Amino acid sequence: MTEQRLSGKAALITGAGQGIGRGIASVFADAGAKVVVATRTASSGQETVDAIREAGGEAILVSTDVQDPVQCQASVDATIEAYGRLDIMVHNAASFAGGMIEDFDPDDLHDSLSTNLVAAFHLSKMSIPHMKKQGAGRLLFTSSVTGPRVVMPGAGYYAATKSGLNGFIRTAGMELAPLKITVNGVEPGFIKTPAIDLIADEAGQAEMAKYIPAGYFGEPEDIGHAMLYLASDEARYVTGQTICVDGGSTLPESPLFYEESADGVTALGD
């Protein structure tokens, strides 16, 4: 177990059944948080809960489809019922529906907006009263480098929702600062999750990794540790911000300016 930076805190985490969400839940539990795993697929969510409990942590499962405001409210209510408080709300659940803009599907766009952006409004509104009562709180969101910093063909729905999410984070951060409720996010780059398999196969991922200055894909726990800082008391003066965790992948202006050597990255032509 790591340092108990979240001891006594209750954290609701959406999309915690796998990938980044599971990584966040694991890191938070290791830091002493009581975790509510809110995920649409109960079987994977239970795997997260079991792993946390086996490691000595505390967690419960709430089956939740964040597109449904009633289920969002139920997840918040379950947190209060189980732990008597809600200190940290992490909206991590995401839709990765894709398609070229020329052929865009209104249903897929609606799915992305409902999951990635609209749910952020619902979950925040439902969490704020409890945090106000406690005198402080943390609203955290998994954003992305895709949209706010870079784009790729076929990811228009996702990019638009994550760009919108960053705007939400900044606005909510300003509105809630007087209440000592901070609002922040993390922008993951390429993280080794099941979602990455939707983008490229193993060979394709190996090629992609060549253009990451760090030389490899991150792990879900890398996002979890960034979230841990934002959830902790050490980040009490940070709000309306996002942290980019991408191994440097958004730094090169072009692959032409990126050359590897035994000593790291060198200038073009050196």
C-alpha atoms as a PDB file:
ATOM      1  CA  MET A   1       0.000   0.000   0.000  1.00  0.00           C
ATOM      2  CA  THR A   2       1.233   3.491  -0.842  1.00  0.00           C
ATOM      3  CA  GLU A   3       1.090   6.587   1.335  1.00  0.00           C
ATOM      4  CA  GLN A   4      -2.491   7.064   2.541  1.00  0.00           C
ATOM      5  CA  ARG A   5      -3.065  10.441   0.873  1.00  0.00           C
ATOM      6  CA  LEU A   6      -6.791   9.776   0.460  1.00  0.00           C
ATOM      7  CA  SER A   7      -7.450   8.138   3.804  1.00  0.00           C
ATOM      8  CA  GLY A   8     -11.055   8.592   4.877  1.00  0.00           C
ATOM      9  CA  LYS A   9     -12.133   9.907   1.471  1.00  0.00           C
ATOM     10  CA  ALA A  10     -14.941   8.432  -0.613  1.00  0.00           C
ATOM     11  CA  ALA A  11     -14.416   8.383  -4.379  1.00  0.00           C
ATOM     12  CA  LEU A  12     -16.940   7.652  -7.112  1.00  0.00           C
ATOM     13  CA  ILE A  13     -15.250   6.590 -10.366  1.00  0.00           C
ATOM     14  CA  THR A  14     -17.183   5.973 -13.578  1.00  0.00           C
ATOM     15  CA  GLY A  15     -15.937   3.567 -16.223  1.00  0.00           C
ATOM     16  CA  ALA A  16     -13.803   1.812 -13.631  1.00  0.00           C
ATOM     17  CA  GLY A  17     -14.338  -1.694 -14.947  1.00  0.00           C
ATOM     18  CA  GLN A  18     -11.231  -1.724 -17.119  1.00  0.00           C
ATOM     19  CA  GLY A  19      -8.401   0.329 -18.581  1.00  0.00           C
ATOM     20  CA  ILE A  20      -7.769   3.805 -17.241  1.00  0.00           C
ATOM     21  CA  GLY A  21     -10.760   3.690 -14.896  1.00  0.00           C
ATOM     22  CA  ARG A  22      -9.485   0.529 -13.243  1.00  0.00           C
ATOM     23  CA  GLY A  23      -6.041   2.102 -12.957  1.00  0.00           C
ATOM     24  CA  ILE A  24      -7.489   5.174 -11.219  1.00  0.00           C
ATOM     25  CA  ALA A  25      -9.588   3.032  -8.873  1.00  0.00           C
ATOM     26  CA  SER A  26      -6.573   0.910  -7.949  1.00  0.00           C
ATOM     27  CA  VAL A  27      -4.314   3.888  -7.261  1.00  0.00           C
ATOM     28  CA  PHE A  28      -6.995   5.652  -5.206  1.00  0.00           C
ATOM     29  CA  ALA A  29      -7.691   2.521  -3.153  1.00  0.00           C
ATOM     30  CA  ASP A  30      -3.971   2.081  -2.495  1.00  0.00           C
ATOM     31  CA  ALA A  31      -3.951   5.665  -1.232  1.00  0.00           C
ATOM     32  CA  GLY A  32      -6.692   4.876   1.281  1.00  0.00           C
ATOM     33  CA  ALA A  33      -9.833   5.958  -0.557  1.00  0.00           C
ATOM     34  CA  LYS A  34     -13.109   4.074  -0.281  1.00  0.00           C
ATOM     35  CA  VAL A  35     -13.940   3.478  -3.927  1.00  0.00           C
ATOM     36  CA  VAL A  36     -17.279   3.163  -5.688  1.00  0.00           C
ATOM     37  CA  VAL A  37     -16.739   1.400  -9.007  1.00  0.00           C
ATOM     38  CA  ALA A  38     -19.480   2.679 -11.321  1.00  0.00           C
ATOM     39  CA  THR A  39     -19.485   0.870 -14.631  1.00  0.00           C
ATOM     40  CA  ARG A  40     -21.971  -0.364 -17.215  1.00  0.00           C
ATOM     41  CA  THR A  41     -20.619  -3.927 -17.357  1.00  0.00           C
ATOM     42  CA  ALA A  42     -21.051  -5.491 -13.923  1.00  0.00           C
ATOM     43  CA  SER A  43     -18.683  -8.417 -14.555  1.00  0.00           C
ATOM     44  CA  SER A  44     -15.653  -6.237 -15.315  1.00  0.00           C
ATOM     45  CA  GLY A  45     -16.586  -3.848 -12.515  1.00  0.00           C
ATOM     46  CA  GLN A  46     -16.650  -6.735 -10.058  1.00  0.00           C
ATOM     47  CA  GLU A  47     -13.160  -7.729 -11.215  1.00  0.00           C
ATOM     48  CA  THR A  48     -11.954  -4.246 -10.248  1.00  0.00           C
ATOM     49  CA  VAL A  49     -13.676  -4.461  -6.869  1.00  0.00           C
ATOM     50  CA  ASP A  50     -12.227  -7.918  -6.203  1.00  0.00           C
ATOM     51  CA  ALA A  51      -8.705  -6.776  -7.099  1.00  0.00           C
ATOM     52  CA  ILE A  52      -8.971  -3.802  -4.758  1.00  0.00           C
ATOM     53  CA  ARG A  53     -10.262  -5.928  -1.898  1.00  0.00           C
ATOM     54  CA  GLU A  54      -7.578  -8.573  -2.425  1.00  0.00           C
ATOM     55  CA  ALA A  55      -4.969  -5.799  -2.118  1.00  0.00           C
ATOM     56  CA  GLY A  56      -6.463  -4.733   1.204  1.00  0.00           C
ATOM     57  CA  GLY A  57      -8.552  -1.828  -0.055  1.00  0.00           C
ATOM     58  CA  GLU A  58     -12.247  -1.017   0.196  1.00  0.00           C
ATOM     59  CA  ALA A  59     -14.600  -0.867  -2.783  1.00  0.00           C
ATOM     60  CA  ILE A  60     -18.167  -1.525  -3.882  1.00  0.00           C
ATOM     61  CA  LEU A  61     -19.778  -1.954  -7.293  1.00  0.00           C
ATOM     62  CA  VAL A  62     -22.637   0.081  -8.751  1.00  0.00           C
ATOM     63  CA  SER A  63     -23.851  -0.844 -12.236  1.00  0.00           C
ATOM     64  CA  THR A  64     -24.224   2.476 -14.037  1.00  0.00           C
ATOM     65  CA  ASP A  65     -24.863   3.670 -17.578  1.00  0.00           C
ATOM     66  CA  VAL A  66     -23.809   7.315 -17.409  1.00  0.00           C
ATOM     67  CA  GLN A  67     -26.009   8.191 -20.380  1.00  0.00           C
ATOM     68  CA  ASP A  68     -28.982   7.804 -18.028  1.00  0.00           C
ATOM     69  CA  PRO A  69     -29.296  10.655 -15.483  1.00  0.00           C
ATOM     70  CA  VAL A  70     -31.364   8.409 -13.210  1.00  0.00           C
ATOM     71  CA  GLN A  71     -28.503   5.917 -13.016  1.00  0.00           C
ATOM     72  CA  CYS A  72     -26.001   8.733 -12.455  1.00  0.00           C
ATOM     73  CA  GLN A  73     -28.048   9.877  -9.481  1.00  0.00           C
ATOM     74  CA  ALA A  74     -28.246   6.302  -8.228  1.00  0.00           C
ATOM     75  CA  SER A  75     -24.446   6.024  -8.263  1.00  0.00           C
ATOM     76  CA  VAL A  76     -24.098   9.206  -6.210  1.00  0.00           C
ATOM     77  CA  ASP A  77     -26.791   8.028  -3.801  1.00  0.00           C
ATOM     78  CA  ALA A  78     -25.065   4.651  -3.449  1.00  0.00           C
ATOM     79  CA  THR A  79     -21.825   6.392  -2.498  1.00  0.00           C
ATOM     80  CA  ILE A  80     -23.556   8.397   0.220  1.00  0.00           C
ATOM     81  CA  GLU A  81     -25.416   5.341   1.474  1.00  0.00           C
ATOM     82  CA  ALA A  82     -22.258   3.229   1.654  1.00  0.00           C
ATOM     83  CA  TYR A  83     -19.790   5.762   3.006  1.00  0.00           C
ATOM     84  CA  GLY A  84     -21.797   8.742   4.247  1.00  0.00           C
ATOM     85  CA  ARG A  85     -19.888  11.209   2.092  1.00  0.00           C
ATOM     86  CA  LEU A  86     -18.623  11.983  -1.418  1.00  0.00           C
ATOM     87  CA  ASP A  87     -15.226  13.649  -1.578  1.00  0.00           C
ATOM     88  CA  ILE A  88     -14.071  12.826  -5.107  1.00  0.00           C
ATOM     89  CA  MET A  89     -16.062  12.280  -8.292  1.00  0.00           C
ATOM     90  CA  VAL A  90     -14.093  11.026 -11.284  1.00  0.00           C
ATOM     91  CA  HIS A  91     -15.934  10.878 -14.591  1.00  0.00           C
ATOM     92  CA  ASN A  92     -13.829   8.556 -16.694  1.00  0.00           C
ATOM     93  CA  ALA A  93     -16.403   6.556 -18.693  1.00  0.00           C
ATOM     94  CA  ALA A  94     -16.131   7.312 -22.409  1.00  0.00           C
ATOM     95  CA  SER A  95     -17.552   6.491 -25.791  1.00  0.00           C
ATOM     96  CA  PHE A  96     -15.038   5.865 -28.565  1.00  0.00           C
ATOM     97  CA  ALA A  97     -17.570   5.835 -31.408  1.00  0.00           C
ATOM     98  CA  GLY A  98     -15.859   6.928 -34.599  1.00  0.00           C
ATOM     99  CA  GLY A  99     -16.503   7.830 -38.177  1.00  0.00           C
ATOM    100  CA  MET A 100     -15.500  10.274 -40.879  1.00  0.00           C
ATOM    101  CA  ILE A 101     -17.284  13.615 -40.688  1.00  0.00           C
ATOM    102  CA  GLU A 102     -18.543  13.284 -44.263  1.00  0.00           C
ATOM    103  CA  ASP A 103     -20.438  10.159 -43.214  1.00  0.00           C
ATOM    104  CA  PHE A 104     -21.230  11.082 -39.637  1.00  0.00           C
ATOM    105  CA  ASP A 105     -23.927   9.111 -37.844  1.00  0.00           C
ATOM    106  CA  PRO A 106     -26.206  11.229 -35.606  1.00  0.00           C
ATOM    107  CA  ASP A 107     -26.746   8.287 -33.248  1.00  0.00           C
ATOM    108  CA  ASP A 108     -23.006   7.775 -32.750  1.00  0.00           C
ATOM    109  CA  LEU A 109     -22.525  11.496 -32.179  1.00  0.00           C
ATOM    110  CA  HIS A 110     -25.321  11.481 -29.623  1.00  0.00           C
ATOM    111  CA  ASP A 111     -23.722   8.473 -27.903  1.00  0.00           C
ATOM    112  CA  SER A 112     -20.389  10.291 -27.647  1.00  0.00           C
ATOM    113  CA  LEU A 113     -21.912  13.546 -26.427  1.00  0.00           C
ATOM    114  CA  SER A 114     -24.115  11.811 -23.854  1.00  0.00           C
ATOM    115  CA  THR A 115     -21.306   9.707 -22.414  1.00  0.00           C
ATOM    116  CA  ASN A 116     -18.296  11.990 -22.638  1.00  0.00           C
ATOM    117  CA  LEU A 117     -19.769  15.433 -22.072  1.00  0.00           C
ATOM    118  CA  VAL A 118     -23.397  15.546 -20.957  1.00  0.00           C
ATOM    119  CA  ALA A 119     -22.731  13.035 -18.165  1.00  0.00           C
ATOM    120  CA  ALA A 120     -20.091  15.416 -16.817  1.00  0.00           C
ATOM    121  CA  PHE A 121     -22.819  17.986 -16.230  1.00  0.00           C
ATOM    122  CA  HIS A 122     -25.204  15.505 -14.598  1.00  0.00           C
ATOM    123  CA  LEU A 123     -22.611  13.907 -12.314  1.00  0.00           C
ATOM    124  CA  SER A 124     -21.199  17.266 -11.259  1.00  0.00           C
ATOM    125  CA  LYS A 125     -24.592  18.762 -10.464  1.00  0.00           C
ATOM    126  CA  MET A 126     -25.477  15.677  -8.431  1.00  0.00           C
ATOM    127  CA  SER A 127     -22.160  15.662  -6.534  1.00  0.00           C
ATOM    128  CA  ILE A 128     -21.919  19.366  -5.713  1.00  0.00           C
ATOM    129  CA  PRO A 129     -24.564  19.470  -2.947  1.00  0.00           C
ATOM    130  CA  HIS A 130     -22.732  16.801  -0.944  1.00  0.00           C
ATOM    131  CA  MET A 131     -19.377  18.514  -1.415  1.00  0.00           C
ATOM    132  CA  LYS A 132     -20.871  21.873  -0.402  1.00  0.00           C
ATOM    133  CA  LYS A 133     -22.188  20.282   2.772  1.00  0.00           C
ATOM    134  CA  GLN A 134     -18.722  18.888   3.540  1.00  0.00           C
ATOM    135  CA  GLY A 135     -17.033  22.207   2.758  1.00  0.00           C
ATOM    136  CA  ALA A 136     -14.778  20.875  -0.023  1.00  0.00           C
ATOM    137  CA  GLY A 137     -14.548  18.381  -2.864  1.00  0.00           C
ATOM    138  CA  ARG A 138     -12.859  17.264  -6.049  1.00  0.00           C
ATOM    139  CA  LEU A 139     -14.473  16.919  -9.480  1.00  0.00           C
ATOM    140  CA  LEU A 140     -12.085  15.137 -11.842  1.00  0.00           C
ATOM    141  CA  PHE A 141     -12.386  14.159 -15.491  1.00  0.00           C
ATOM    142  CA  THR A 142     -10.504  11.983 -17.935  1.00  0.00           C
ATOM    143  CA  SER A 143     -10.102  14.199 -20.989  1.00  0.00           C
ATOM    144  CA  SER A 144      -7.676  13.412 -23.836  1.00  0.00           C
ATOM    145  CA  VAL A 145      -4.923  14.874 -25.971  1.00  0.00           C
ATOM    146  CA  THR A 146      -7.230  14.039 -28.887  1.00  0.00           C
ATOM    147  CA  GLY A 147      -9.267  17.163 -29.485  1.00  0.00           C
ATOM    148  CA  PRO A 148      -7.635  19.678 -27.140  1.00  0.00           C
ATOM    149  CA  ARG A 149      -4.103  19.192 -28.582  1.00  0.00           C
ATOM    150  CA  VAL A 150      -4.060  16.821 -31.574  1.00  0.00           C
ATOM    151  CA  VAL A 151      -6.503  15.004 -33.847  1.00  0.00           C
ATOM    152  CA  MET A 152      -6.739  11.936 -36.052  1.00  0.00           C
ATOM    153  CA  PRO A 153      -9.054  11.046 -38.939  1.00  0.00           C
ATOM    154  CA  GLY A 154     -12.273   9.366 -37.852  1.00  0.00           C
ATOM    155  CA  ALA A 155     -12.143  10.672 -34.286  1.00  0.00           C
ATOM    156  CA  GLY A 156     -14.272  13.767 -34.798  1.00  0.00           C
ATOM    157  CA  TYR A 157     -16.983  12.819 -32.285  1.00  0.00           C
ATOM    158  CA  TYR A 158     -14.443  11.975 -29.606  1.00  0.00           C
ATOM    159  CA  ALA A 159     -12.257  15.028 -30.284  1.00  0.00           C
ATOM    160  CA  ALA A 160     -15.230  17.379 -30.134  1.00  0.00           C
ATOM    161  CA  THR A 161     -16.483  15.975 -26.835  1.00  0.00           C
ATOM    162  CA  LYS A 162     -13.076  16.078 -25.167  1.00  0.00           C
ATOM    163  CA  SER A 163     -12.489  19.657 -26.327  1.00  0.00           C
ATOM    164  CA  GLY A 164     -15.883  20.513 -24.885  1.00  0.00           C
ATOM    165  CA  LEU A 165     -14.988  18.718 -21.667  1.00  0.00           C
ATOM    166  CA  ASN A 166     -11.931  20.935 -21.232  1.00  0.00           C
ATOM    167  CA  GLY A 167     -14.137  23.993 -21.599  1.00  0.00           C
ATOM    168  CA  PHE A 168     -16.447  22.548 -18.965  1.00  0.00           C
ATOM    169  CA  ILE A 169     -13.498  21.960 -16.607  1.00  0.00           C
ATOM    170  CA  ARG A 170     -12.344  25.565 -16.858  1.00  0.00           C
ATOM    171  CA  THR A 171     -15.810  27.031 -16.382  1.00  0.00           C
ATOM    172  CA  ALA A 172     -16.763  24.755 -13.501  1.00  0.00           C
ATOM    173  CA  GLY A 173     -13.390  25.401 -11.885  1.00  0.00           C
ATOM    174  CA  MET A 174     -14.112  29.120 -11.822  1.00  0.00           C
ATOM    175  CA  GLU A 175     -17.688  28.748 -10.608  1.00  0.00           C
ATOM    176  CA  LEU A 176     -16.909  26.319  -7.795  1.00  0.00           C
ATOM    177  CA  ALA A 177     -13.612  27.744  -6.516  1.00  0.00           C
ATOM    178  CA  PRO A 178     -15.319  29.821  -3.783  1.00  0.00           C
ATOM    179  CA  LEU A 179     -16.857  26.596  -2.455  1.00  0.00           C
ATOM    180  CA  LYS A 180     -13.437  24.901  -2.169  1.00  0.00           C
ATOM    181  CA  ILE A 181     -14.513  22.422  -4.817  1.00  0.00           C
ATOM    182  CA  THR A 182     -11.734  22.053  -7.357  1.00  0.00           C
ATOM    183  CA  VAL A 183     -12.336  20.889 -10.922  1.00  0.00           C
ATOM    184  CA  ASN A 184      -9.505  19.401 -12.964  1.00  0.00           C
ATOM    185  CA  GLY A 185      -8.717  16.782 -15.563  1.00  0.00           C
ATOM    186  CA  VAL A 186      -6.029  14.584 -17.066  1.00  0.00           C
ATOM    187  CA  GLU A 187      -5.352  14.359 -20.807  1.00  0.00           C
ATOM    188  CA  PRO A 188      -4.009  10.870 -21.549  1.00  0.00           C
ATOM    189  CA  GLY A 189      -1.951  10.198 -24.629  1.00  0.00           C
ATOM    190  CA  PHE A 190      -1.451   6.624 -25.808  1.00  0.00           C
ATOM    191  CA  ILE A 191      -2.196   4.380 -22.837  1.00  0.00           C
ATOM    192  CA  LYS A 192      -2.160   0.576 -23.043  1.00  0.00           C
ATOM    193  CA  THR A 193      -5.872  -0.165 -22.675  1.00  0.00           C
ATOM    194  CA  PRO A 194      -8.490  -2.165 -24.607  1.00  0.00           C
ATOM    195  CA  ALA A 195      -9.455   1.090 -26.347  1.00  0.00           C
ATOM    196  CA  ILE A 196      -6.038   1.242 -28.015  1.00  0.00           C
ATOM    197  CA  ASP A 197      -6.790  -2.074 -29.709  1.00  0.00           C
ATOM    198  CA  LEU A 198      -9.604  -0.296 -31.550  1.00  0.00           C
ATOM    199  CA  ILE A 199      -7.042   2.019 -33.154  1.00  0.00           C
ATOM    200  CA  ALA A 200      -4.300  -0.406 -34.188  1.00  0.00           C
ATOM    201  CA  ASP A 201      -3.172  -4.009 -33.878  1.00  0.00           C
ATOM    202  CA  GLU A 202       0.013  -5.011 -32.048  1.00  0.00           C
ATOM    203  CA  ALA A 203       2.268  -4.254 -35.029  1.00  0.00           C
ATOM    204  CA  GLY A 204       0.590  -0.912 -35.575  1.00  0.00           C
ATOM    205  CA  GLN A 205       0.960  -0.006 -31.922  1.00  0.00           C
ATOM    206  CA  ALA A 206       4.669  -0.810 -32.091  1.00  0.00           C
ATOM    207  CA  GLU A 207       5.010   1.618 -34.999  1.00  0.00           C
ATOM    208  CA  MET A 208       3.071   4.285 -33.096  1.00  0.00           C
ATOM    209  CA  ALA A 209       5.339   3.891 -30.073  1.00  0.00           C
ATOM    210  CA  LYS A 210       8.335   4.866 -32.212  1.00  0.00           C
ATOM    211  CA  TYR A 211       6.968   8.414 -32.363  1.00  0.00           C
ATOM    212  CA  ILE A 212       6.522   8.746 -28.607  1.00  0.00           C
ATOM    213  CA  PRO A 213       9.646  10.375 -27.135  1.00  0.00           C
ATOM    214  CA  ALA A 214       9.386   8.134 -24.070  1.00  0.00           C
ATOM    215  CA  GLY A 215       9.437   5.165 -26.463  1.00  0.00           C
ATOM    216  CA  TYR A 216       6.455   3.262 -25.104  1.00  0.00           C
ATOM    217  CA  PHE A 217       2.754   3.414 -24.295  1.00  0.00           C
ATOM    218  CA  GLY A 218       1.766   4.474 -20.801  1.00  0.00           C
ATOM    219  CA  GLU A 219      -0.075   2.293 -18.300  1.00  0.00           C
ATOM    220  CA  PRO A 220      -3.474   3.064 -16.735  1.00  0.00           C
ATOM    221  CA  GLU A 221      -1.761   3.644 -13.408  1.00  0.00           C
ATOM    222  CA  ASP A 222       0.186   6.538 -14.953  1.00  0.00           C
ATOM    223  CA  ILE A 223      -3.136   8.340 -15.316  1.00  0.00           C
ATOM    224  CA  GLY A 224      -4.149   7.168 -11.863  1.00  0.00           C
ATOM    225  CA  HIS A 225      -1.140   8.819 -10.246  1.00  0.00           C
ATOM    226  CA  ALA A 226      -1.835  12.139 -11.986  1.00  0.00           C
ATOM    227  CA  MET A 227      -5.441  11.904 -10.794  1.00  0.00           C
ATOM    228  CA  LEU A 228      -4.194  11.080  -7.295  1.00  0.00           C
ATOM    229  CA  TYR A 229      -2.323  14.370  -7.130  1.00  0.00           C
ATOM    230  CA  LEU A 230      -5.384  16.317  -8.281  1.00  0.00           C
ATOM    231  CA  ALA A 231      -7.558  14.470  -5.735  1.00  0.00           C
ATOM    232  CA  SER A 232      -5.157  15.088  -2.856  1.00  0.00           C
ATOM    233  CA  ASP A 233      -4.869  17.986  -0.428  1.00  0.00           C
ATOM    234  CA  GLU A 234      -1.637  18.979  -2.163  1.00  0.00           C
ATOM    235  CA  ALA A 235      -3.696  20.158  -5.147  1.00  0.00           C
ATOM    236  CA  ARG A 236      -6.055  22.371  -3.151  1.00  0.00           C
ATOM    237  CA  TYR A 237      -4.877  25.485  -5.064  1.00  0.00           C
ATOM    238  CA  VAL A 238      -5.187  23.899  -8.518  1.00  0.00           C
ATOM    239  CA  THR A 239      -8.474  24.240 -10.369  1.00  0.00           C
ATOM    240  CA  GLY A 240      -9.757  24.573 -13.922  1.00  0.00           C
ATOM    241  CA  GLN A 241      -6.661  22.809 -15.252  1.00  0.00           C
ATOM    242  CA  THR A 242      -5.690  19.672 -17.146  1.00  0.00           C
ATOM    243  CA  ILE A 243      -2.474  17.662 -16.927  1.00  0.00           C
ATOM    244  CA  CYS A 244      -1.159  16.106 -20.135  1.00  0.00           C
ATOM    245  CA  VAL A 245       0.218  12.598 -19.521  1.00  0.00           C
ATOM    246  CA  ASP A 246       1.471  11.366 -22.886  1.00  0.00           C
ATOM    247  CA  GLY A 247       5.157  10.429 -22.704  1.00  0.00           C
ATOM    248  CA  GLY A 248       5.914  13.527 -24.779  1.00  0.00           C
ATOM    249  CA  SER A 249       3.918  12.359 -27.802  1.00  0.00           C
ATOM    250  CA  THR A 250       2.414  15.800 -28.484  1.00  0.00           C
ATOM    251  CA  LEU A 251       5.767  17.616 -28.345  1.00  0.00           C
ATOM    252  CA  PRO A 252       7.297  17.041 -31.820  1.00  0.00           C
ATOM    253  CA  GLU A 253       6.019  19.398 -34.521  1.00  0.00           C
ATOM    254  CA  SER A 254       6.543  16.603 -37.035  1.00  0.00           C
ATOM    255  CA  PRO A 255       8.053  13.099 -37.115  1.00  0.00           C
ATOM    256  CA  LEU A 256      10.708  14.648 -39.369  1.00  0.00           C
ATOM    257  CA  PHE A 257      12.085  16.451 -36.318  1.00  0.00           C
ATOM    258  CA  TYR A 258      12.221  13.319 -34.235  1.00  0.00           C
ATOM    259  CA  GLU A 259      15.292  11.122 -34.441  1.00  0.00           C
ATOM    260  CA  GLU A 260      16.290   8.572 -31.868  1.00  0.00           C
ATOM    261  CA  SER A 261      19.818   7.939 -30.734  1.00  0.00           C
ATOM    262  CA  ALA A 262      21.500   6.177 -27.849  1.00  0.00           C
ATOM    263  CA  ASP A 263      21.549   9.488 -26.024  1.00  0.00           C
ATOM    264  CA  GLY A 264      17.891  10.358 -26.684  1.00  0.00           C
ATOM    265  CA  VAL A 265      16.337  12.765 -29.151  1.00  0.00           C
ATOM    266  CA  THR A 266      18.744  14.816 -31.284  1.00  0.00           C
ATOM    267  CA  ALA A 267      18.223  17.806 -33.542  1.00  0.00           C
ATOM    268  CA  LEU A 268      17.358  17.081 -37.167  1.00  0.00           C
ATOM    269  CA  GLY A 269      20.562  16.567 -39.106  1.00  0.00           C
ATOM    270  CA  ASP A 270      22.815  16.047 -36.056  1.00  0.00           C
END
